[in-house]
Structures are given as C-alpha cells and as structure tokens.
Amino acid sequence: MFAATLKVYGDYGWSATNLSRIATEGGVGKSTLYTRWGTKGKLLQSAFTSILDREPASSRVSVREWFIADGEFRLRSYLGPYRNAVLRLALEFSISSDPDLQKIRQELYVTPLQNAMSSLRRLRSEGFIPADTSIVRMVDAIEGSIYNRAMWVSSDQVPKVLENCHEYVSIIVDQQLRLAQVSGDLLLSPQEG
C-alpha cells in the first residue's frame, strides 16, 4: 500500500492525490484506507516514514560519519524507486503550507539536519571548530551538492550514481570539512545527530 501511495503522490502531486486514486493503484477498497489512516496526509506520512526509514545513530558518531550517512540517505532517497515522490515533496514543501507535507519533510529531512547543526554550533562554541567557520555554509555546501546532483542526473545514469554513492558523498564531505577546517573525528551524540 505504501508503494502505491508514493507512486500516486509522485505522479499527481499533493492536490490531485486522494484515497480513491491510491486505493485503485493499490488494488484495495477505499474504505480500507479510510478505516486504517483516515486521511491522505496520515497515509502519506506513514508511507514516507516506513519506506524511507532512517537508521538512528545508536552511539556517538563522528561528524564525518554522520554527514556521510545523512548524505547517502538523501541521495538514495532522491534517486531511489520513490524518486518522483521524494523530489515532489522537496518541491511542494517549499511552495505549500499544508501541515501534512510540512510534518513529513520535517521528520525525514529537516529535524536530523537541525540537530546536527546544533551540535556543530556547540562544538564551535567549545573551541573544537574555528570560530569563523560558518556552520550554515558548510552544511549548505554538502547538502546542496547532493541535492543538485540528484536533480540533474539523467535516468540512465541513476544506477551508476547509486553504485558510487558512498564514494561520491565521502569526497564531498571530506572536501567541505577540510575547507571549513573541521575535524571529521569530532563526535556527535545520538540525540544530536
């Protein structure tokens, strides 16, 4: 059911997605969806969080490890089997004030990044990162490179990009940490990253 939900959302967008269309795509009765989820927002949130589940950090991880894991998660979600839905979410989130879309993107993408940035700011205030280092610019460079790559890769190149995902993200992270003079060995705690 979740795959059908993301396919419909990816193909039609928020305003044209409805439980009837999802039920048809998923081969189930509309009443089943209403009984289980009630609204398209709740179903879409369940679909995104179930299929694009983030692995929480179980122990302290280095800044480098966190950015690589986050970057791989983003690139794989942007280019994976639910590419249309994920990219549509990124676009519609920026132009819609719908609370369901806001909640989905917040949970999957924004909150983990905000937590890491908070941790980086703490490390900077404690003197572990140079005081003149812009955390926002460093994060924007890493995240922006990954998003830009996903937006412009042609469909025939997706398998190759995914095959080299770890290497690509590692190079970007290492370059940005080096430019910002940030040690990739600094540790983030699980709740921060």
N, C-alpha and C. Protein backbone atom coordinates (compact mmCIF):
# COMPACT_ATOMS: atom_id res chain seq x y z
N MET A 1 0.81 -1.20 0.00
CA MET A 1 0.00 0.00 0.00
C MET A 1 0.86 1.27 0.00
N PHE A 2 1.98 1.21 0.73
CA PHE A 2 2.84 2.39 0.80
C PHE A 2 3.46 2.70 -0.55
N ALA A 3 3.85 1.67 -1.29
CA ALA A 3 4.42 1.89 -2.63
C ALA A 3 3.39 2.54 -3.55
N ALA A 4 2.16 2.08 -3.47
CA ALA A 4 1.08 2.67 -4.28
C ALA A 4 0.86 4.13 -3.89
N THR A 5 0.91 4.42 -2.61
CA THR A 5 0.72 5.79 -2.12
C THR A 5 1.79 6.71 -2.67
N LEU A 6 3.05 6.28 -2.59
CA LEU A 6 4.14 7.13 -3.07
C LEU A 6 4.12 7.26 -4.59
N LYS A 7 3.69 6.22 -5.29
CA LYS A 7 3.58 6.31 -6.74
C LYS A 7 2.53 7.35 -7.13
N VAL A 8 1.37 7.27 -6.50
CA VAL A 8 0.30 8.23 -6.81
C VAL A 8 0.75 9.65 -6.48
N TYR A 9 1.32 9.83 -5.30
CA TYR A 9 1.78 11.17 -4.92
C TYR A 9 2.86 11.66 -5.89
N GLY A 10 3.81 10.80 -6.24
CA GLY A 10 4.87 11.18 -7.17
C GLY A 10 4.34 11.54 -8.55
N ASP A 11 3.32 10.83 -8.99
CA ASP A 11 2.76 11.08 -10.32
C ASP A 11 1.82 12.28 -10.37
N TYR A 12 1.06 12.52 -9.29
CA TYR A 12 -0.01 13.51 -9.35
C TYR A 12 0.17 14.72 -8.43
N GLY A 13 1.04 14.62 -7.43
CA GLY A 13 1.20 15.73 -6.51
C GLY A 13 0.15 15.75 -5.42
N TRP A 14 0.35 16.64 -4.46
CA TRP A 14 -0.49 16.70 -3.27
C TRP A 14 -1.96 16.97 -3.60
N SER A 15 -2.23 17.98 -4.39
CA SER A 15 -3.63 18.38 -4.60
C SER A 15 -4.43 17.34 -5.38
N ALA A 16 -3.80 16.57 -6.25
CA ALA A 16 -4.52 15.57 -7.04
C ALA A 16 -4.46 14.17 -6.42
N THR A 17 -3.71 14.01 -5.33
CA THR A 17 -3.67 12.72 -4.65
C THR A 17 -4.87 12.60 -3.73
N ASN A 18 -5.56 11.47 -3.82
CA ASN A 18 -6.68 11.21 -2.92
C ASN A 18 -6.73 9.72 -2.61
N LEU A 19 -7.49 9.39 -1.59
CA LEU A 19 -7.56 7.99 -1.17
C LEU A 19 -8.18 7.09 -2.24
N SER A 20 -9.09 7.61 -3.04
CA SER A 20 -9.68 6.81 -4.12
C SER A 20 -8.62 6.40 -5.14
N ARG A 21 -7.81 7.35 -5.54
CA ARG A 21 -6.76 7.07 -6.51
C ARG A 21 -5.73 6.08 -5.94
N ILE A 22 -5.38 6.25 -4.67
CA ILE A 22 -4.42 5.35 -4.02
C ILE A 22 -5.01 3.95 -3.92
N ALA A 23 -6.29 3.86 -3.55
CA ALA A 23 -6.95 2.55 -3.43
C ALA A 23 -6.94 1.83 -4.78
N THR A 24 -7.23 2.54 -5.85
CA THR A 24 -7.21 1.94 -7.19
C THR A 24 -5.82 1.45 -7.53
N GLU A 25 -4.81 2.29 -7.30
CA GLU A 25 -3.42 1.91 -7.59
C GLU A 25 -2.99 0.71 -6.76
N GLY A 26 -3.43 0.67 -5.50
CA GLY A 26 -3.03 -0.41 -4.60
C GLY A 26 -3.90 -1.65 -4.67
N GLY A 27 -5.00 -1.57 -5.42
CA GLY A 27 -5.87 -2.71 -5.57
C GLY A 27 -6.65 -3.08 -4.31
N VAL A 28 -7.01 -2.07 -3.53
CA VAL A 28 -7.81 -2.30 -2.32
C VAL A 28 -9.02 -1.38 -2.34
N GLY A 29 -9.95 -1.63 -1.44
CA GLY A 29 -11.12 -0.79 -1.34
C GLY A 29 -10.79 0.52 -0.62
N LYS A 30 -11.46 1.58 -1.04
CA LYS A 30 -11.24 2.89 -0.43
C LYS A 30 -11.57 2.87 1.06
N SER A 31 -12.57 2.10 1.45
CA SER A 31 -12.96 2.05 2.87
C SER A 31 -11.84 1.48 3.73
N THR A 32 -11.02 0.60 3.17
CA THR A 32 -9.87 0.05 3.90
C THR A 32 -8.91 1.17 4.28
N LEU A 33 -8.67 2.06 3.35
CA LEU A 33 -7.75 3.18 3.61
C LEU A 33 -8.34 4.15 4.63
N TYR A 34 -9.62 4.46 4.48
CA TYR A 34 -10.26 5.37 5.43
C TYR A 34 -10.25 4.79 6.84
N THR A 35 -10.49 3.49 6.94
CA THR A 35 -10.52 2.85 8.25
C THR A 35 -9.14 2.87 8.90
N ARG A 36 -8.13 2.57 8.12
CA ARG A 36 -6.77 2.46 8.67
C ARG A 36 -6.09 3.81 8.89
N TRP A 37 -6.23 4.74 7.91
CA TRP A 37 -5.48 6.00 8.02
C TRP A 37 -6.37 7.24 8.14
N GLY A 38 -7.56 7.21 7.59
CA GLY A 38 -8.47 8.34 7.73
C GLY A 38 -8.27 9.46 6.74
N THR A 39 -7.03 9.86 6.50
CA THR A 39 -6.75 10.96 5.57
C THR A 39 -5.55 10.61 4.70
N LYS A 40 -5.47 11.30 3.57
CA LYS A 40 -4.32 11.08 2.68
C LYS A 40 -3.03 11.56 3.36
N GLY A 41 -3.13 12.57 4.20
CA GLY A 41 -1.95 13.07 4.90
C GLY A 41 -1.35 12.03 5.83
N LYS A 42 -2.21 11.36 6.59
CA LYS A 42 -1.72 10.32 7.50
C LYS A 42 -1.16 9.13 6.74
N LEU A 43 -1.81 8.76 5.64
CA LEU A 43 -1.31 7.65 4.82
C LEU A 43 0.03 8.01 4.18
N LEU A 44 0.12 9.22 3.64
CA LEU A 44 1.37 9.63 3.00
C LEU A 44 2.51 9.70 4.02
N GLN A 45 2.22 10.20 5.21
CA GLN A 45 3.25 10.25 6.25
C GLN A 45 3.71 8.84 6.61
N SER A 46 2.77 7.92 6.77
CA SER A 46 3.13 6.53 7.08
C SER A 46 3.96 5.92 5.96
N ALA A 47 3.58 6.21 4.72
CA ALA A 47 4.31 5.67 3.57
C ALA A 47 5.74 6.18 3.55
N PHE A 48 5.92 7.49 3.68
CA PHE A 48 7.27 8.06 3.65
C PHE A 48 8.12 7.54 4.81
N THR A 49 7.59 7.55 6.01
CA THR A 49 8.41 7.14 7.15
C THR A 49 8.68 5.64 7.17
N SER A 50 7.78 4.86 6.61
CA SER A 50 8.00 3.41 6.57
C SER A 50 9.02 3.02 5.50
N ILE A 51 8.88 3.58 4.33
CA ILE A 51 9.73 3.20 3.20
C ILE A 51 11.09 3.89 3.27
N LEU A 52 11.11 5.11 3.73
CA LEU A 52 12.37 5.87 3.80
C LEU A 52 12.84 5.99 5.24
N ASP A 53 12.85 4.89 5.94
CA ASP A 53 13.20 4.88 7.36
C ASP A 53 14.67 5.20 7.56
N ARG A 54 14.94 6.16 8.41
CA ARG A 54 16.32 6.50 8.79
C ARG A 54 16.76 5.58 9.90
N GLU A 55 18.00 5.15 9.83
CA GLU A 55 18.58 4.37 10.93
C GLU A 55 19.11 5.35 11.97
N PRO A 56 18.57 5.35 13.18
CA PRO A 56 19.09 6.26 14.19
C PRO A 56 20.49 5.85 14.64
N ALA A 57 21.30 6.86 14.96
CA ALA A 57 22.64 6.57 15.47
C ALA A 57 22.51 5.91 16.83
N SER A 58 23.12 4.75 16.98
CA SER A 58 23.00 4.02 18.24
C SER A 58 24.09 4.41 19.23
N SER A 59 25.11 5.05 18.76
CA SER A 59 26.18 5.51 19.64
C SER A 59 26.73 6.80 19.06
N ARG A 60 27.67 7.36 19.77
CA ARG A 60 28.27 8.60 19.27
C ARG A 60 28.95 8.32 17.93
N VAL A 61 28.73 9.20 16.98
CA VAL A 61 29.35 9.07 15.66
C VAL A 61 30.15 10.32 15.37
N SER A 62 31.13 10.18 14.51
CA SER A 62 31.93 11.35 14.14
C SER A 62 31.13 12.25 13.20
N VAL A 63 31.53 13.50 13.14
CA VAL A 63 30.90 14.46 12.23
C VAL A 63 30.96 13.90 10.81
N ARG A 64 32.10 13.38 10.43
CA ARG A 64 32.28 12.81 9.08
C ARG A 64 31.31 11.66 8.85
N GLU A 65 31.24 10.73 9.78
CA GLU A 65 30.34 9.57 9.64
C GLU A 65 28.88 10.02 9.53
N TRP A 66 28.50 11.02 10.34
CA TRP A 66 27.12 11.48 10.31
C TRP A 66 26.80 12.09 8.95
N PHE A 67 27.68 12.99 8.46
CA PHE A 67 27.41 13.64 7.17
C PHE A 67 27.39 12.64 6.03
N ILE A 68 28.25 11.64 6.07
CA ILE A 68 28.24 10.63 5.02
C ILE A 68 26.95 9.81 5.08
N ALA A 69 26.55 9.37 6.26
CA ALA A 69 25.31 8.60 6.39
C ALA A 69 24.10 9.43 5.95
N ASP A 70 24.06 10.69 6.38
CA ASP A 70 22.95 11.58 6.01
C ASP A 70 22.96 11.81 4.50
N GLY A 71 24.13 12.08 3.94
CA GLY A 71 24.23 12.32 2.50
C GLY A 71 23.82 11.12 1.68
N GLU A 72 24.24 9.94 2.12
CA GLU A 72 23.84 8.72 1.40
C GLU A 72 22.33 8.50 1.52
N PHE A 73 21.77 8.73 2.70
CA PHE A 73 20.32 8.60 2.86
C PHE A 73 19.60 9.53 1.89
N ARG A 74 20.03 10.77 1.83
CA ARG A 74 19.38 11.74 0.95
C ARG A 74 19.53 11.38 -0.51
N LEU A 75 20.76 11.07 -0.94
CA LEU A 75 20.98 10.75 -2.35
C LEU A 75 20.21 9.49 -2.75
N ARG A 76 20.22 8.48 -1.90
CA ARG A 76 19.48 7.25 -2.21
C ARG A 76 17.97 7.49 -2.21
N SER A 77 17.48 8.35 -1.33
CA SER A 77 16.04 8.62 -1.36
C SER A 77 15.68 9.48 -2.57
N TYR A 78 16.54 10.44 -2.93
CA TYR A 78 16.27 11.28 -4.11
C TYR A 78 16.29 10.47 -5.40
N LEU A 79 17.12 9.42 -5.46
CA LEU A 79 17.30 8.67 -6.71
C LEU A 79 16.71 7.27 -6.67
N GLY A 80 16.16 6.86 -5.54
CA GLY A 80 15.66 5.50 -5.38
C GLY A 80 14.34 5.27 -6.10
N PRO A 81 13.70 4.15 -5.80
CA PRO A 81 12.48 3.78 -6.50
C PRO A 81 11.32 4.76 -6.29
N TYR A 82 11.40 5.58 -5.26
CA TYR A 82 10.34 6.55 -5.00
C TYR A 82 10.81 7.97 -5.31
N ARG A 83 11.72 8.07 -6.26
CA ARG A 83 12.34 9.33 -6.66
C ARG A 83 11.31 10.43 -6.91
N ASN A 84 10.29 10.12 -7.72
CA ASN A 84 9.30 11.14 -8.05
C ASN A 84 8.61 11.69 -6.81
N ALA A 85 8.28 10.82 -5.88
CA ALA A 85 7.60 11.27 -4.66
C ALA A 85 8.53 12.11 -3.78
N VAL A 86 9.77 11.69 -3.65
CA VAL A 86 10.72 12.41 -2.79
C VAL A 86 11.04 13.79 -3.38
N LEU A 87 11.29 13.84 -4.67
CA LEU A 87 11.60 15.13 -5.30
C LEU A 87 10.37 16.05 -5.31
N ARG A 88 9.21 15.45 -5.50
CA ARG A 88 7.98 16.25 -5.44
C ARG A 88 7.78 16.82 -4.03
N LEU A 89 8.09 16.02 -3.02
CA LEU A 89 7.98 16.50 -1.63
C LEU A 89 8.89 17.71 -1.42
N ALA A 90 10.11 17.62 -1.93
CA ALA A 90 11.05 18.74 -1.78
C ALA A 90 10.50 20.00 -2.45
N LEU A 91 9.91 19.85 -3.62
CA LEU A 91 9.36 21.00 -4.32
C LEU A 91 8.09 21.51 -3.65
N GLU A 92 7.14 20.61 -3.39
CA GLU A 92 5.87 21.05 -2.83
C GLU A 92 6.00 21.60 -1.42
N PHE A 93 6.96 21.09 -0.66
CA PHE A 93 7.17 21.61 0.68
C PHE A 93 7.50 23.09 0.63
N SER A 94 8.29 23.49 -0.37
CA SER A 94 8.73 24.88 -0.43
C SER A 94 7.64 25.83 -0.92
N ILE A 95 6.58 25.30 -1.54
CA ILE A 95 5.52 26.18 -2.05
C ILE A 95 4.17 25.95 -1.37
N SER A 96 4.11 25.00 -0.45
CA SER A 96 2.85 24.68 0.21
C SER A 96 2.97 24.89 1.72
N SER A 97 1.90 25.32 2.31
CA SER A 97 1.89 25.45 3.77
C SER A 97 1.08 24.32 4.40
N ASP A 98 0.78 23.28 3.62
CA ASP A 98 -0.01 22.18 4.14
C ASP A 98 0.71 21.52 5.31
N PRO A 99 0.05 21.38 6.45
CA PRO A 99 0.71 20.84 7.64
C PRO A 99 1.16 19.38 7.48
N ASP A 100 0.46 18.59 6.69
CA ASP A 100 0.87 17.20 6.49
C ASP A 100 2.21 17.13 5.75
N LEU A 101 2.35 17.93 4.69
CA LEU A 101 3.62 17.95 3.96
C LEU A 101 4.74 18.50 4.83
N GLN A 102 4.44 19.53 5.59
CA GLN A 102 5.43 20.12 6.49
C GLN A 102 5.94 19.08 7.49
N LYS A 103 5.02 18.31 8.06
CA LYS A 103 5.37 17.32 9.07
C LYS A 103 6.25 16.20 8.49
N ILE A 104 5.91 15.73 7.30
CA ILE A 104 6.67 14.66 6.66
C ILE A 104 8.11 15.11 6.41
N ARG A 105 8.27 16.26 5.78
CA ARG A 105 9.62 16.73 5.45
C ARG A 105 10.40 17.07 6.71
N GLN A 106 9.72 17.64 7.69
CA GLN A 106 10.38 17.97 8.96
C GLN A 106 10.96 16.72 9.60
N GLU A 107 10.16 15.66 9.67
CA GLU A 107 10.58 14.43 10.32
C GLU A 107 11.71 13.72 9.58
N LEU A 108 11.61 13.65 8.26
CA LEU A 108 12.58 12.90 7.49
C LEU A 108 13.88 13.65 7.20
N TYR A 109 13.77 14.95 6.96
CA TYR A 109 14.93 15.68 6.47
C TYR A 109 15.39 16.83 7.36
N VAL A 110 14.46 17.63 7.83
CA VAL A 110 14.84 18.88 8.50
C VAL A 110 15.34 18.65 9.92
N THR A 111 14.58 17.93 10.74
CA THR A 111 14.97 17.75 12.14
C THR A 111 16.35 17.11 12.31
N PRO A 112 16.66 16.01 11.59
CA PRO A 112 18.01 15.44 11.76
C PRO A 112 19.11 16.44 11.40
N LEU A 113 18.90 17.23 10.37
CA LEU A 113 19.90 18.21 9.97
C LEU A 113 20.01 19.34 10.99
N GLN A 114 18.89 19.80 11.50
CA GLN A 114 18.92 20.85 12.53
C GLN A 114 19.64 20.37 13.79
N ASN A 115 19.41 19.12 14.16
CA ASN A 115 20.09 18.57 15.34
C ASN A 115 21.60 18.53 15.13
N ALA A 116 22.03 18.11 13.95
CA ALA A 116 23.47 18.07 13.66
C ALA A 116 24.05 19.47 13.66
N MET A 117 23.33 20.43 13.08
CA MET A 117 23.83 21.81 13.06
C MET A 117 23.94 22.37 14.47
N SER A 118 23.00 22.04 15.31
CA SER A 118 23.05 22.48 16.71
C SER A 118 24.30 21.92 17.39
N SER A 119 24.58 20.66 17.13
CA SER A 119 25.77 20.03 17.70
C SER A 119 27.04 20.68 17.18
N LEU A 120 27.07 20.99 15.88
CA LEU A 120 28.25 21.65 15.30
C LEU A 120 28.44 23.04 15.90
N ARG A 121 27.36 23.75 16.12
CA ARG A 121 27.46 25.08 16.76
C ARG A 121 28.00 24.95 18.18
N ARG A 122 27.55 23.90 18.88
CA ARG A 122 28.06 23.66 20.23
C ARG A 122 29.56 23.39 20.19
N LEU A 123 29.98 22.54 19.25
CA LEU A 123 31.41 22.24 19.11
C LEU A 123 32.21 23.50 18.76
N ARG A 124 31.62 24.37 17.96
CA ARG A 124 32.30 25.63 17.63
C ARG A 124 32.41 26.52 18.86
N SER A 125 31.35 26.60 19.66
CA SER A 125 31.38 27.44 20.86
C SER A 125 32.37 26.90 21.89
N GLU A 126 32.62 25.58 21.86
CA GLU A 126 33.58 24.97 22.78
C GLU A 126 35.01 25.01 22.25
N GLY A 127 35.19 25.60 21.06
CA GLY A 127 36.53 25.77 20.51
C GLY A 127 37.05 24.62 19.66
N PHE A 128 36.23 23.61 19.39
CA PHE A 128 36.67 22.47 18.59
C PHE A 128 36.60 22.76 17.09
N ILE A 129 35.81 23.75 16.72
CA ILE A 129 35.68 24.19 15.33
C ILE A 129 36.06 25.66 15.32
N PRO A 130 36.85 26.12 14.32
CA PRO A 130 37.26 27.52 14.28
C PRO A 130 36.06 28.47 14.41
N ALA A 131 36.24 29.52 15.17
CA ALA A 131 35.16 30.46 15.47
C ALA A 131 34.59 31.12 14.23
N ASP A 132 35.41 31.29 13.19
CA ASP A 132 34.93 31.96 11.98
C ASP A 132 34.31 30.99 10.96
N THR A 133 34.16 29.74 11.33
CA THR A 133 33.56 28.75 10.43
C THR A 133 32.05 28.94 10.41
N SER A 134 31.50 29.10 9.22
CA SER A 134 30.06 29.20 9.07
C SER A 134 29.48 27.79 8.95
N ILE A 135 28.76 27.40 9.99
CA ILE A 135 28.13 26.08 10.00
C ILE A 135 27.10 25.99 8.87
N VAL A 136 26.34 27.05 8.68
CA VAL A 136 25.30 27.05 7.65
C VAL A 136 25.92 26.88 6.26
N ARG A 137 26.98 27.62 5.96
CA ARG A 137 27.61 27.49 4.63
C ARG A 137 28.22 26.11 4.42
N MET A 138 28.82 25.55 5.46
CA MET A 138 29.40 24.22 5.34
C MET A 138 28.30 23.18 5.06
N VAL A 139 27.23 23.25 5.82
CA VAL A 139 26.12 22.31 5.63
C VAL A 139 25.45 22.53 4.27
N ASP A 140 25.25 23.79 3.90
CA ASP A 140 24.65 24.08 2.60
C ASP A 140 25.49 23.52 1.46
N ALA A 141 26.80 23.61 1.58
CA ALA A 141 27.68 23.10 0.51
C ALA A 141 27.54 21.58 0.38
N ILE A 142 27.49 20.89 1.51
CA ILE A 142 27.35 19.42 1.47
C ILE A 142 25.97 19.03 0.97
N GLU A 143 24.95 19.53 1.63
CA GLU A 143 23.58 19.16 1.28
C GLU A 143 23.22 19.65 -0.12
N GLY A 144 23.65 20.84 -0.46
CA GLY A 144 23.35 21.40 -1.78
C GLY A 144 24.00 20.61 -2.91
N SER A 145 25.22 20.16 -2.69
CA SER A 145 25.89 19.34 -3.71
C SER A 145 25.12 18.04 -3.97
N ILE A 146 24.67 17.44 -2.90
CA ILE A 146 23.93 16.17 -3.02
C ILE A 146 22.59 16.39 -3.70
N TYR A 147 21.86 17.41 -3.29
CA TYR A 147 20.56 17.70 -3.89
C TYR A 147 20.73 18.07 -5.37
N ASN A 148 21.71 18.90 -5.66
CA ASN A 148 21.94 19.32 -7.04
C ASN A 148 22.28 18.12 -7.93
N ARG A 149 23.10 17.22 -7.42
CA ARG A 149 23.45 16.02 -8.18
C ARG A 149 22.20 15.20 -8.48
N ALA A 150 21.34 15.05 -7.48
CA ALA A 150 20.12 14.27 -7.67
C ALA A 150 19.17 14.93 -8.67
N MET A 151 19.11 16.24 -8.65
CA MET A 151 18.19 16.95 -9.54
C MET A 151 18.60 16.84 -11.00
N TRP A 152 19.89 16.77 -11.27
CA TRP A 152 20.35 16.86 -12.65
C TRP A 152 20.87 15.56 -13.24
N VAL A 153 20.87 14.48 -12.48
CA VAL A 153 21.34 13.21 -13.04
C VAL A 153 20.25 12.65 -13.95
N SER A 154 20.67 12.18 -15.12
CA SER A 154 19.70 11.60 -16.05
C SER A 154 19.31 10.20 -15.57
N SER A 155 18.14 9.78 -15.96
CA SER A 155 17.62 8.48 -15.51
C SER A 155 18.56 7.33 -15.85
N ASP A 156 19.21 7.40 -17.01
CA ASP A 156 20.10 6.31 -17.40
C ASP A 156 21.38 6.28 -16.56
N GLN A 157 21.70 7.37 -15.88
CA GLN A 157 22.89 7.44 -15.04
C GLN A 157 22.62 7.13 -13.57
N VAL A 158 21.35 7.02 -13.19
CA VAL A 158 20.99 6.77 -11.79
C VAL A 158 21.66 5.52 -11.23
N PRO A 159 21.63 4.38 -11.93
CA PRO A 159 22.28 3.19 -11.35
C PRO A 159 23.77 3.41 -11.05
N LYS A 160 24.47 4.10 -11.93
CA LYS A 160 25.90 4.35 -11.72
C LYS A 160 26.12 5.29 -10.52
N VAL A 161 25.29 6.31 -10.40
CA VAL A 161 25.41 7.24 -9.27
C VAL A 161 25.14 6.50 -7.96
N LEU A 162 24.12 5.66 -7.94
CA LEU A 162 23.81 4.90 -6.74
C LEU A 162 24.92 3.90 -6.40
N GLU A 163 25.51 3.31 -7.41
CA GLU A 163 26.61 2.37 -7.20
C GLU A 163 27.81 3.06 -6.55
N ASN A 164 28.03 4.31 -6.92
CA ASN A 164 29.18 5.08 -6.40
C ASN A 164 28.77 6.08 -5.33
N CYS A 165 27.60 5.89 -4.75
CA CYS A 165 27.03 6.83 -3.79
C CYS A 165 27.98 7.11 -2.61
N HIS A 166 28.49 6.07 -1.99
CA HIS A 166 29.34 6.25 -0.81
C HIS A 166 30.60 7.05 -1.16
N GLU A 167 31.23 6.70 -2.25
CA GLU A 167 32.45 7.40 -2.65
C GLU A 167 32.15 8.87 -2.97
N TYR A 168 31.09 9.13 -3.72
CA TYR A 168 30.72 10.49 -4.09
C TYR A 168 30.45 11.36 -2.85
N VAL A 169 29.62 10.83 -1.95
CA VAL A 169 29.28 11.59 -0.74
C VAL A 169 30.51 11.77 0.14
N SER A 170 31.34 10.75 0.27
CA SER A 170 32.55 10.84 1.10
C SER A 170 33.48 11.94 0.60
N ILE A 171 33.65 12.04 -0.70
CA ILE A 171 34.53 13.08 -1.28
C ILE A 171 33.98 14.46 -0.96
N ILE A 172 32.68 14.65 -1.15
CA ILE A 172 32.07 15.96 -0.86
C ILE A 172 32.24 16.32 0.61
N VAL A 173 31.94 15.38 1.49
CA VAL A 173 32.04 15.63 2.93
C VAL A 173 33.48 15.94 3.31
N ASP A 174 34.42 15.14 2.84
CA ASP A 174 35.83 15.36 3.18
C ASP A 174 36.33 16.72 2.68
N GLN A 175 35.94 17.09 1.46
CA GLN A 175 36.37 18.39 0.93
C GLN A 175 35.81 19.54 1.76
N GLN A 176 34.54 19.47 2.11
CA GLN A 176 33.93 20.56 2.86
C GLN A 176 34.46 20.65 4.29
N LEU A 177 34.67 19.52 4.92
CA LEU A 177 35.24 19.55 6.27
C LEU A 177 36.66 20.12 6.24
N ARG A 178 37.42 19.75 5.23
CA ARG A 178 38.78 20.27 5.09
C ARG A 178 38.76 21.78 4.84
N LEU A 179 37.89 22.24 3.93
CA LEU A 179 37.79 23.67 3.65
C LEU A 179 37.36 24.48 4.88
N ALA A 180 36.47 23.89 5.67
CA ALA A 180 35.97 24.57 6.87
C ALA A 180 36.91 24.38 8.06
N GLN A 181 37.97 23.62 7.88
CA GLN A 181 38.93 23.32 8.95
C GLN A 181 38.24 22.66 10.14
N VAL A 182 37.37 21.70 9.81
CA VAL A 182 36.64 20.96 10.84
C VAL A 182 37.14 19.52 10.83
N SER A 183 37.53 19.03 11.99
CA SER A 183 37.98 17.64 12.10
C SER A 183 36.77 16.72 11.97
N GLY A 184 36.85 15.80 11.03
CA GLY A 184 35.77 14.84 10.85
C GLY A 184 35.67 13.86 12.00
N ASP A 185 36.68 13.85 12.88
CA ASP A 185 36.68 12.92 14.01
C ASP A 185 35.90 13.42 15.22
N LEU A 186 35.48 14.70 15.21
CA LEU A 186 34.68 15.21 16.31
C LEU A 186 33.41 14.38 16.44
N LEU A 187 32.97 14.16 17.67
CA LEU A 187 31.84 13.26 17.89
C LEU A 187 30.53 14.00 18.12
N LEU A 188 29.48 13.46 17.53
CA LEU A 188 28.11 13.90 17.78
C LEU A 188 27.45 12.84 18.64
N SER A 189 26.61 13.25 19.55
CA SER A 189 25.90 12.25 20.34
C SER A 189 24.65 11.83 19.55
N PRO A 190 24.06 10.66 19.85
CA PRO A 190 22.92 10.15 19.08
C PRO A 190 21.75 11.14 19.00
N GLN A 191 21.43 11.82 20.08
CA GLN A 191 20.30 12.73 20.04
C GLN A 191 20.60 13.98 19.21
N GLU A 192 21.87 14.30 19.04
CA GLU A 192 22.22 15.46 18.22
C GLU A 192 22.26 15.09 16.75
N GLY A 193 22.75 13.90 16.43
CA GLY A 193 22.88 13.52 15.03
C GLY A 193 21.77 12.66 14.63
